[in-house]
Structures are given as structure tokens and as C-alpha cells.
PDB file of all heavy atoms in Angstrom:
ATOM      1  N   LEU A   1      14.237 -10.630   0.692  1.00  0.00           N
ATOM      2  CA  LEU A   1      14.052  -9.467  -0.308  1.00  0.00           C
ATOM      3  C   LEU A   1      12.912  -9.857  -1.200  1.00  0.00           C
ATOM      4  O   LEU A   1      12.081  -8.830  -1.445  1.00  0.00           O
ATOM      5  CB  LEU A   1      15.320  -9.144  -1.021  1.00  0.00           C
ATOM      6  CG  LEU A   1      16.527  -8.659  -0.241  1.00  0.00           C
ATOM      7  CD1 LEU A   1      17.745  -8.392  -1.125  1.00  0.00           C
ATOM      8  CD2 LEU A   1      16.176  -7.424   0.631  1.00  0.00           C
ATOM      9  N   ASP A   2      12.697 -11.033  -1.496  1.00  0.00           N
ATOM     10  CA  ASP A   2      11.493 -11.403  -2.339  1.00  0.00           C
ATOM     11  C   ASP A   2      10.226 -11.177  -1.554  1.00  0.00           C
ATOM     12  O   ASP A   2       9.283 -10.796  -2.065  1.00  0.00           O
ATOM     13  CB  ASP A   2      11.661 -12.859  -2.819  1.00  0.00           C
ATOM     14  CG  ASP A   2      12.634 -13.003  -3.943  1.00  0.00           C
ATOM     15  OD1 ASP A   2      13.083 -12.080  -4.577  1.00  0.00           O
ATOM     16  OD2 ASP A   2      13.011 -14.198  -4.304  1.00  0.00           O
ATOM     17  N   GLU A   3      10.238 -11.585  -0.336  1.00  0.00           N
ATOM     18  CA  GLU A   3       9.272 -11.345   0.606  1.00  0.00           C
ATOM     19  C   GLU A   3       8.818  -9.812   0.686  1.00  0.00           C
ATOM     20  O   GLU A   3       7.621  -9.407   0.618  1.00  0.00           O
ATOM     21  CB  GLU A   3       9.503 -11.876   1.991  1.00  0.00           C
ATOM     22  CG  GLU A   3       8.337 -11.620   2.963  1.00  0.00           C
ATOM     23  CD  GLU A   3       8.686 -12.172   4.390  1.00  0.00           C
ATOM     24  OE1 GLU A   3       9.112 -13.351   4.479  1.00  0.00           O
ATOM     25  OE2 GLU A   3       8.530 -11.419   5.342  1.00  0.00           O
ATOM     26  N   ALA A   4       9.711  -8.942   0.811  1.00  0.00           N
ATOM     27  CA  ALA A   4       9.583  -7.533   0.913  1.00  0.00           C
ATOM     28  C   ALA A   4       9.014  -7.033  -0.376  1.00  0.00           C
ATOM     29  O   ALA A   4       8.023  -6.137  -0.380  1.00  0.00           O
ATOM     30  CB  ALA A   4      10.868  -6.828   1.182  1.00  0.00           C
ATOM     31  N   GLU A   5       9.506  -7.536  -1.538  1.00  0.00           N
ATOM     32  CA  GLU A   5       8.989  -7.154  -2.774  1.00  0.00           C
ATOM     33  C   GLU A   5       7.539  -7.568  -2.970  1.00  0.00           C
ATOM     34  O   GLU A   5       6.753  -6.823  -3.557  1.00  0.00           O
ATOM     35  CB  GLU A   5       9.851  -7.655  -3.957  1.00  0.00           C
ATOM     36  CG  GLU A   5       9.437  -7.501  -5.377  1.00  0.00           C
ATOM     37  CD  GLU A   5       9.470  -6.089  -5.851  1.00  0.00           C
ATOM     38  OE1 GLU A   5      10.095  -5.253  -5.000  1.00  0.00           O
ATOM     39  OE2 GLU A   5       8.880  -5.777  -6.839  1.00  0.00           O
ATOM     40  N   ASN A   6       7.285  -8.744  -2.552  1.00  0.00           N
ATOM     41  CA  ASN A   6       5.828  -9.147  -2.678  1.00  0.00           C
ATOM     42  C   ASN A   6       4.901  -8.317  -1.824  1.00  0.00           C
ATOM     43  O   ASN A   6       3.795  -8.032  -2.353  1.00  0.00           O
ATOM     44  CB  ASN A   6       5.829 -10.720  -2.295  1.00  0.00           C
ATOM     45  CG  ASN A   6       4.399 -11.222  -2.320  1.00  0.00           C
ATOM     46  OD1 ASN A   6       3.831 -11.422  -1.308  1.00  0.00           O
ATOM     47  ND2 ASN A   6       3.821 -11.626  -3.531  1.00  0.00           N
ATOM     48  N   GLU A   7       5.301  -8.074  -0.694  1.00  0.00           N
ATOM     49  CA  GLU A   7       4.444  -7.168   0.052  1.00  0.00           C
ATOM     50  C   GLU A   7       4.279  -5.834  -0.410  1.00  0.00           C
ATOM     51  O   GLU A   7       3.242  -5.124  -0.269  1.00  0.00           O
ATOM     52  CB  GLU A   7       5.108  -7.092   1.650  1.00  0.00           C
ATOM     53  CG  GLU A   7       5.171  -8.314   2.425  1.00  0.00           C
ATOM     54  CD  GLU A   7       3.804  -8.838   2.927  1.00  0.00           C
ATOM     55  OE1 GLU A   7       2.871  -8.205   2.535  1.00  0.00           O
ATOM     56  OE2 GLU A   7       3.804  -9.838   3.740  1.00  0.00           O
ATOM     57  N   ARG A   8       5.328  -5.318  -1.057  1.00  0.00           N
ATOM     58  CA  ARG A   8       5.227  -3.967  -1.747  1.00  0.00           C
ATOM     59  C   ARG A   8       4.195  -4.116  -2.830  1.00  0.00           C
ATOM     60  O   ARG A   8       3.510  -3.119  -3.094  1.00  0.00           O
ATOM     61  CB  ARG A   8       6.625  -3.568  -2.194  1.00  0.00           C
ATOM     62  CG  ARG A   8       6.660  -2.114  -2.633  1.00  0.00           C
ATOM     63  CD  ARG A   8       8.095  -1.808  -3.170  1.00  0.00           C
ATOM     64  NE  ARG A   8       8.470  -2.530  -4.266  1.00  0.00           N
ATOM     65  CZ  ARG A   8       8.281  -2.151  -5.612  1.00  0.00           C
ATOM     66  NH1 ARG A   8       7.511  -0.954  -5.730  1.00  0.00           N
ATOM     67  NH2 ARG A   8       8.596  -2.789  -6.624  1.00  0.00           N
ATOM     68  N   MET A   9       4.145  -5.165  -3.571  1.00  0.00           N
ATOM     69  CA  MET A   9       3.303  -5.291  -4.743  1.00  0.00           C
ATOM     70  C   MET A   9       1.840  -5.369  -4.093  1.00  0.00           C
ATOM     71  O   MET A   9       0.805  -4.965  -4.851  1.00  0.00           O
ATOM     72  CB  MET A   9       3.538  -6.543  -5.502  1.00  0.00           C
ATOM     73  CG  MET A   9       4.825  -6.283  -6.359  1.00  0.00           C
ATOM     74  SD  MET A   9       4.761  -4.812  -7.351  1.00  0.00           S
ATOM     75  CE  MET A   9       3.326  -5.025  -8.333  1.00  0.00           C
ATOM     76  N   HIS A  10       1.700  -5.890  -2.947  1.00  0.00           N
ATOM     77  CA  HIS A  10       0.292  -5.803  -2.253  1.00  0.00           C
ATOM     78  C   HIS A  10       0.029  -4.446  -2.176  1.00  0.00           C
ATOM     79  O   HIS A  10      -1.171  -4.088  -2.423  1.00  0.00           O
ATOM     80  CB  HIS A  10       0.391  -6.544  -0.903  1.00  0.00           C
ATOM     81  CG  HIS A  10       0.580  -7.960  -0.911  1.00  0.00           C
ATOM     82  ND1 HIS A  10       0.859  -8.757   0.226  1.00  0.00           N
ATOM     83  CD2 HIS A  10       0.699  -8.849  -1.939  1.00  0.00           C
ATOM     84  CE1 HIS A  10       0.974  -9.998  -0.069  1.00  0.00           C
ATOM     85  NE2 HIS A  10       0.934 -10.102  -1.408  1.00  0.00           N
ATOM     86  N   LEU A  11       0.811  -3.538  -1.716  1.00  0.00           N
ATOM     87  CA  LEU A  11       0.531  -2.218  -1.601  1.00  0.00           C
ATOM     88  C   LEU A  11       0.187  -1.510  -2.840  1.00  0.00           C
ATOM     89  O   LEU A  11      -0.781  -0.677  -2.945  1.00  0.00           O
ATOM     90  CB  LEU A  11       1.708  -1.504  -0.810  1.00  0.00           C
ATOM     91  CG  LEU A  11       1.545   0.149  -0.714  1.00  0.00           C
ATOM     92  CD1 LEU A  11       0.402   0.517   0.092  1.00  0.00           C
ATOM     93  CD2 LEU A  11       2.858   0.761  -0.245  1.00  0.00           C
ATOM     94  N   MET A  12       1.088  -1.728  -3.890  1.00  0.00           N
ATOM     95  CA  MET A  12       0.774  -1.139  -5.256  1.00  0.00           C
ATOM     96  C   MET A  12      -0.634  -1.568  -5.705  1.00  0.00           C
ATOM     97  O   MET A  12      -1.274  -0.734  -6.321  1.00  0.00           O
ATOM     98  CB  MET A  12       1.824  -1.605  -6.287  1.00  0.00           C
ATOM     99  CG  MET A  12       3.321  -1.308  -5.909  1.00  0.00           C
ATOM    100  SD  MET A  12       3.584   0.523  -6.001  1.00  0.00           S
ATOM    101  CE  MET A  12       3.643   0.865  -4.200  1.00  0.00           C
ATOM    102  N   THR A  13      -1.134  -2.760  -5.359  1.00  0.00           N
ATOM    103  CA  THR A  13      -2.381  -3.214  -5.798  1.00  0.00           C
ATOM    104  C   THR A  13      -3.462  -2.443  -4.999  1.00  0.00           C
ATOM    105  O   THR A  13      -4.470  -1.922  -5.570  1.00  0.00           O
ATOM    106  CB  THR A  13      -2.499  -4.699  -5.585  1.00  0.00           C
ATOM    107  OG1 THR A  13      -1.726  -5.367  -6.441  1.00  0.00           O
ATOM    108  CG2 THR A  13      -3.960  -5.140  -5.942  1.00  0.00           C
ATOM    109  N   PHE A  14      -3.381  -2.473  -3.748  1.00  0.00           N
ATOM    110  CA  PHE A  14      -4.472  -1.782  -2.877  1.00  0.00           C
ATOM    111  C   PHE A  14      -4.460  -0.237  -3.017  1.00  0.00           C
ATOM    112  O   PHE A  14      -5.509   0.278  -2.652  1.00  0.00           O
ATOM    113  CB  PHE A  14      -4.264  -2.247  -1.382  1.00  0.00           C
ATOM    114  CG  PHE A  14      -4.831  -3.669  -1.211  1.00  0.00           C
ATOM    115  CD1 PHE A  14      -3.961  -4.634  -0.918  1.00  0.00           C
ATOM    116  CD2 PHE A  14      -6.169  -3.985  -1.318  1.00  0.00           C
ATOM    117  CE1 PHE A  14      -4.417  -5.920  -0.688  1.00  0.00           C
ATOM    118  CE2 PHE A  14      -6.597  -5.188  -1.043  1.00  0.00           C
ATOM    119  CZ  PHE A  14      -5.758  -6.272  -0.831  1.00  0.00           C
ATOM    120  N   MET A  15      -3.437   0.357  -3.428  1.00  0.00           N
ATOM    121  CA  MET A  15      -3.414   1.757  -3.863  1.00  0.00           C
ATOM    122  C   MET A  15      -4.460   2.052  -4.856  1.00  0.00           C
ATOM    123  O   MET A  15      -5.063   3.145  -4.906  1.00  0.00           O
ATOM    124  CB  MET A  15      -2.089   2.168  -4.253  1.00  0.00           C
ATOM    125  CG  MET A  15      -1.071   2.451  -3.104  1.00  0.00           C
ATOM    126  SD  MET A  15       0.569   2.672  -3.730  1.00  0.00           S
ATOM    127  CE  MET A  15       0.314   3.887  -5.044  1.00  0.00           C
ATOM    128  N   GLU A  16      -4.737   0.998  -5.646  1.00  0.00           N
ATOM    129  CA  GLU A  16      -5.687   1.360  -6.839  1.00  0.00           C
ATOM    130  C   GLU A  16      -7.106   1.131  -6.437  1.00  0.00           C
ATOM    131  O   GLU A  16      -8.008   1.509  -7.164  1.00  0.00           O
ATOM    132  CB  GLU A  16      -5.384   0.244  -7.858  1.00  0.00           C
ATOM    133  CG  GLU A  16      -3.959   0.332  -8.403  1.00  0.00           C
ATOM    134  CD  GLU A  16      -3.702   1.540  -9.253  1.00  0.00           C
ATOM    135  OE1 GLU A  16      -4.627   2.111  -9.834  1.00  0.00           O
ATOM    136  OE2 GLU A  16      -2.486   2.024  -9.253  1.00  0.00           O
ATOM    137  N   VAL A  17      -7.474   0.475  -5.269  1.00  0.00           N
ATOM    138  CA  VAL A  17      -8.839   0.203  -4.866  1.00  0.00           C
ATOM    139  C   VAL A  17      -9.189   0.937  -3.682  1.00  0.00           C
ATOM    140  O   VAL A  17     -10.396   1.030  -3.394  1.00  0.00           O
ATOM    141  CB  VAL A  17      -9.005  -1.272  -4.745  1.00  0.00           C
ATOM    142  CG1 VAL A  17      -8.853  -2.094  -5.881  1.00  0.00           C
ATOM    143  CG2 VAL A  17      -8.171  -1.869  -3.611  1.00  0.00           C
ATOM    144  N   SER A  18      -8.311   1.486  -2.892  1.00  0.00           N
ATOM    145  CA  SER A  18      -8.655   2.203  -1.625  1.00  0.00           C
ATOM    146  C   SER A  18      -8.546   3.672  -1.708  1.00  0.00           C
ATOM    147  O   SER A  18      -7.765   4.205  -2.483  1.00  0.00           O
ATOM    148  CB  SER A  18      -7.776   1.742  -0.478  1.00  0.00           C
ATOM    149  OG  SER A  18      -6.404   2.078  -0.732  1.00  0.00           O
ATOM    150  N   GLN A  19      -9.203   4.395  -0.955  1.00  0.00           N
ATOM    151  CA  GLN A  19      -9.179   5.854  -0.860  1.00  0.00           C
ATOM    152  C   GLN A  19      -8.872   6.338   0.505  1.00  0.00           C
ATOM    153  O   GLN A  19      -9.778   6.717   1.243  1.00  0.00           O
ATOM    154  CB  GLN A  19     -10.556   6.444  -1.408  1.00  0.00           C
ATOM    155  CG  GLN A  19     -10.943   6.054  -2.812  1.00  0.00           C
ATOM    156  CD  GLN A  19      -9.939   6.750  -3.901  1.00  0.00           C
ATOM    157  OE1 GLN A  19      -9.337   7.896  -3.597  1.00  0.00           O
ATOM    158  NE2 GLN A  19      -9.856   6.161  -4.910  1.00  0.00           N
ATOM    159  N   PRO A  20      -7.612   6.172   0.989  1.00  0.00           N
ATOM    160  CA  PRO A  20      -7.316   6.580   2.313  1.00  0.00           C
ATOM    161  C   PRO A  20      -7.438   7.998   2.542  1.00  0.00           C
ATOM    162  O   PRO A  20      -7.202   8.839   1.669  1.00  0.00           O
ATOM    163  CB  PRO A  20      -5.781   6.108   2.407  1.00  0.00           C
ATOM    164  CG  PRO A  20      -5.316   6.200   1.002  1.00  0.00           C
ATOM    165  CD  PRO A  20      -6.454   5.751   0.171  1.00  0.00           C
ATOM    166  N   ARG A  21      -7.851   8.339   3.723  1.00  0.00           N
ATOM    167  CA  ARG A  21      -7.971   9.789   4.142  1.00  0.00           C
ATOM    168  C   ARG A  21      -6.541  10.417   4.428  1.00  0.00           C
ATOM    169  O   ARG A  21      -5.593   9.674   4.638  1.00  0.00           O
ATOM    170  CB  ARG A  21      -8.873   9.868   5.391  1.00  0.00           C
ATOM    171  CG  ARG A  21     -10.328   9.401   4.993  1.00  0.00           C
ATOM    172  CD  ARG A  21     -11.033   9.077   6.250  1.00  0.00           C
ATOM    173  NE  ARG A  21     -12.341   8.459   5.885  1.00  0.00           N
ATOM    174  CZ  ARG A  21     -13.104   7.832   6.808  1.00  0.00           C
ATOM    175  NH1 ARG A  21     -12.766   7.644   7.951  1.00  0.00           N
ATOM    176  NH2 ARG A  21     -14.341   7.377   6.340  1.00  0.00           N
ATOM    177  N   TRP A  22      -6.606  11.676   4.611  1.00  0.00           N
ATOM    178  CA  TRP A  22      -5.275  12.311   4.654  1.00  0.00           C
ATOM    179  C   TRP A  22      -4.521  11.949   6.016  1.00  0.00           C
ATOM    180  O   TRP A  22      -3.325  11.791   6.064  1.00  0.00           O
ATOM    181  CB  TRP A  22      -5.545  13.914   4.645  1.00  0.00           C
ATOM    182  CG  TRP A  22      -6.223  14.475   5.867  1.00  0.00           C
ATOM    183  CD1 TRP A  22      -7.600  14.580   6.011  1.00  0.00           C
ATOM    184  CD2 TRP A  22      -5.602  14.834   7.170  1.00  0.00           C
ATOM    185  NE1 TRP A  22      -7.855  15.103   7.229  1.00  0.00           N
ATOM    186  CE2 TRP A  22      -6.729  15.233   7.943  1.00  0.00           C
ATOM    187  CE3 TRP A  22      -4.347  14.885   7.733  1.00  0.00           C
ATOM    188  CZ2 TRP A  22      -6.521  15.702   9.226  1.00  0.00           C
ATOM    189  CZ3 TRP A  22      -4.225  15.238   8.988  1.00  0.00           C
ATOM    190  CH2 TRP A  22      -5.248  15.643   9.769  1.00  0.00           C
ATOM    191  N   TYR A  23      -5.279  11.779   7.097  1.00  0.00           N
ATOM    192  CA  TYR A  23      -4.648  11.460   8.245  1.00  0.00           C
ATOM    193  C   TYR A  23      -4.175   9.907   8.352  1.00  0.00           C
ATOM    194  O   TYR A  23      -3.321   9.650   9.084  1.00  0.00           O
ATOM    195  CB  TYR A  23      -5.583  11.701   9.498  1.00  0.00           C
ATOM    196  CG  TYR A  23      -6.941  10.949   9.464  1.00  0.00           C
ATOM    197  CD1 TYR A  23      -7.137   9.594   9.825  1.00  0.00           C
ATOM    198  CD2 TYR A  23      -8.136  11.530   8.977  1.00  0.00           C
ATOM    199  CE1 TYR A  23      -8.315   8.941   9.844  1.00  0.00           C
ATOM    200  CE2 TYR A  23      -9.352  10.923   9.005  1.00  0.00           C
ATOM    201  CZ  TYR A  23      -9.444   9.653   9.347  1.00  0.00           C
ATOM    202  OH  TYR A  23     -10.630   8.899   9.289  1.00  0.00           O
ATOM    203  N   GLU A  24      -4.833   9.079   7.486  1.00  0.00           N
ATOM    204  CA  GLU A  24      -4.310   7.796   7.261  1.00  0.00           C
ATOM    205  C   GLU A  24      -2.971   7.739   6.661  1.00  0.00           C
ATOM    206  O   GLU A  24      -2.093   7.027   6.913  1.00  0.00           O
ATOM    207  CB  GLU A  24      -5.311   6.857   6.624  1.00  0.00           C
ATOM    208  CG  GLU A  24      -6.532   6.635   7.520  1.00  0.00           C
ATOM    209  CD  GLU A  24      -7.696   5.901   6.672  1.00  0.00           C
ATOM    210  OE1 GLU A  24      -7.729   6.042   5.436  1.00  0.00           O
ATOM    211  OE2 GLU A  24      -8.518   5.334   7.231  1.00  0.00           O
ATOM    212  N   ARG A  25      -2.868   8.567   5.524  1.00  0.00           N
ATOM    213  CA  ARG A  25      -1.574   8.665   4.816  1.00  0.00           C
ATOM    214  C   ARG A  25      -0.593   9.244   5.724  1.00  0.00           C
ATOM    215  O   ARG A  25       0.636   8.810   5.691  1.00  0.00           O
ATOM    216  CB  ARG A  25      -1.820   9.550   3.570  1.00  0.00           C
ATOM    217  CG  ARG A  25      -2.746   8.953   2.482  1.00  0.00           C
ATOM    218  CD  ARG A  25      -2.538   9.578   1.230  1.00  0.00           C
ATOM    219  NE  ARG A  25      -2.942  11.027   1.177  1.00  0.00           N
ATOM    220  CZ  ARG A  25      -4.190  11.356   0.844  1.00  0.00           C
ATOM    221  NH1 ARG A  25      -5.045  10.523   0.412  1.00  0.00           N
ATOM    222  NH2 ARG A  25      -4.497  12.714   0.783  1.00  0.00           N
ATOM    223  N   ALA A  26      -0.862  10.191   6.600  1.00  0.00           N
ATOM    224  CA  ALA A  26       0.019  10.786   7.486  1.00  0.00           C
ATOM    225  C   ALA A  26       0.448   9.722   8.530  1.00  0.00           C
ATOM    226  O   ALA A  26       1.651   9.704   9.024  1.00  0.00           O
ATOM    227  CB  ALA A  26      -0.513  11.934   8.285  1.00  0.00           C
ATOM    228  N   LEU A  27      -0.390   8.853   8.937  1.00  0.00           N
ATOM    229  CA  LEU A  27      -0.087   7.867   9.940  1.00  0.00           C
ATOM    230  C   LEU A  27       0.895   6.884   9.450  1.00  0.00           C
ATOM    231  O   LEU A  27       1.717   6.360  10.124  1.00  0.00           O
ATOM    232  CB  LEU A  27      -1.505   7.083  10.287  1.00  0.00           C
ATOM    233  CG  LEU A  27      -1.311   6.004  11.460  1.00  0.00           C
ATOM    234  CD1 LEU A  27      -0.844   6.673  12.752  1.00  0.00           C
ATOM    235  CD2 LEU A  27      -2.652   5.331  11.543  1.00  0.00           C
TER     236      LEU A  27
END
């Protein structure tokens, strides 16, 4: 569960620096 939480925090971080396109979000 700690591993899952750490990976989720990676996502929370890269959400701040990336601009995914609509089809990438749908994917």
C-alpha cells in the first residue's frame, strides 16, 4: 500500500508539469 501511495504521489507531481491531450486522458 505504501508503494501504491508513492506511485500516486508521482502522478500528483507530474500532473503539475505535463499538459496531456484529451485523448491521452481518455486513454
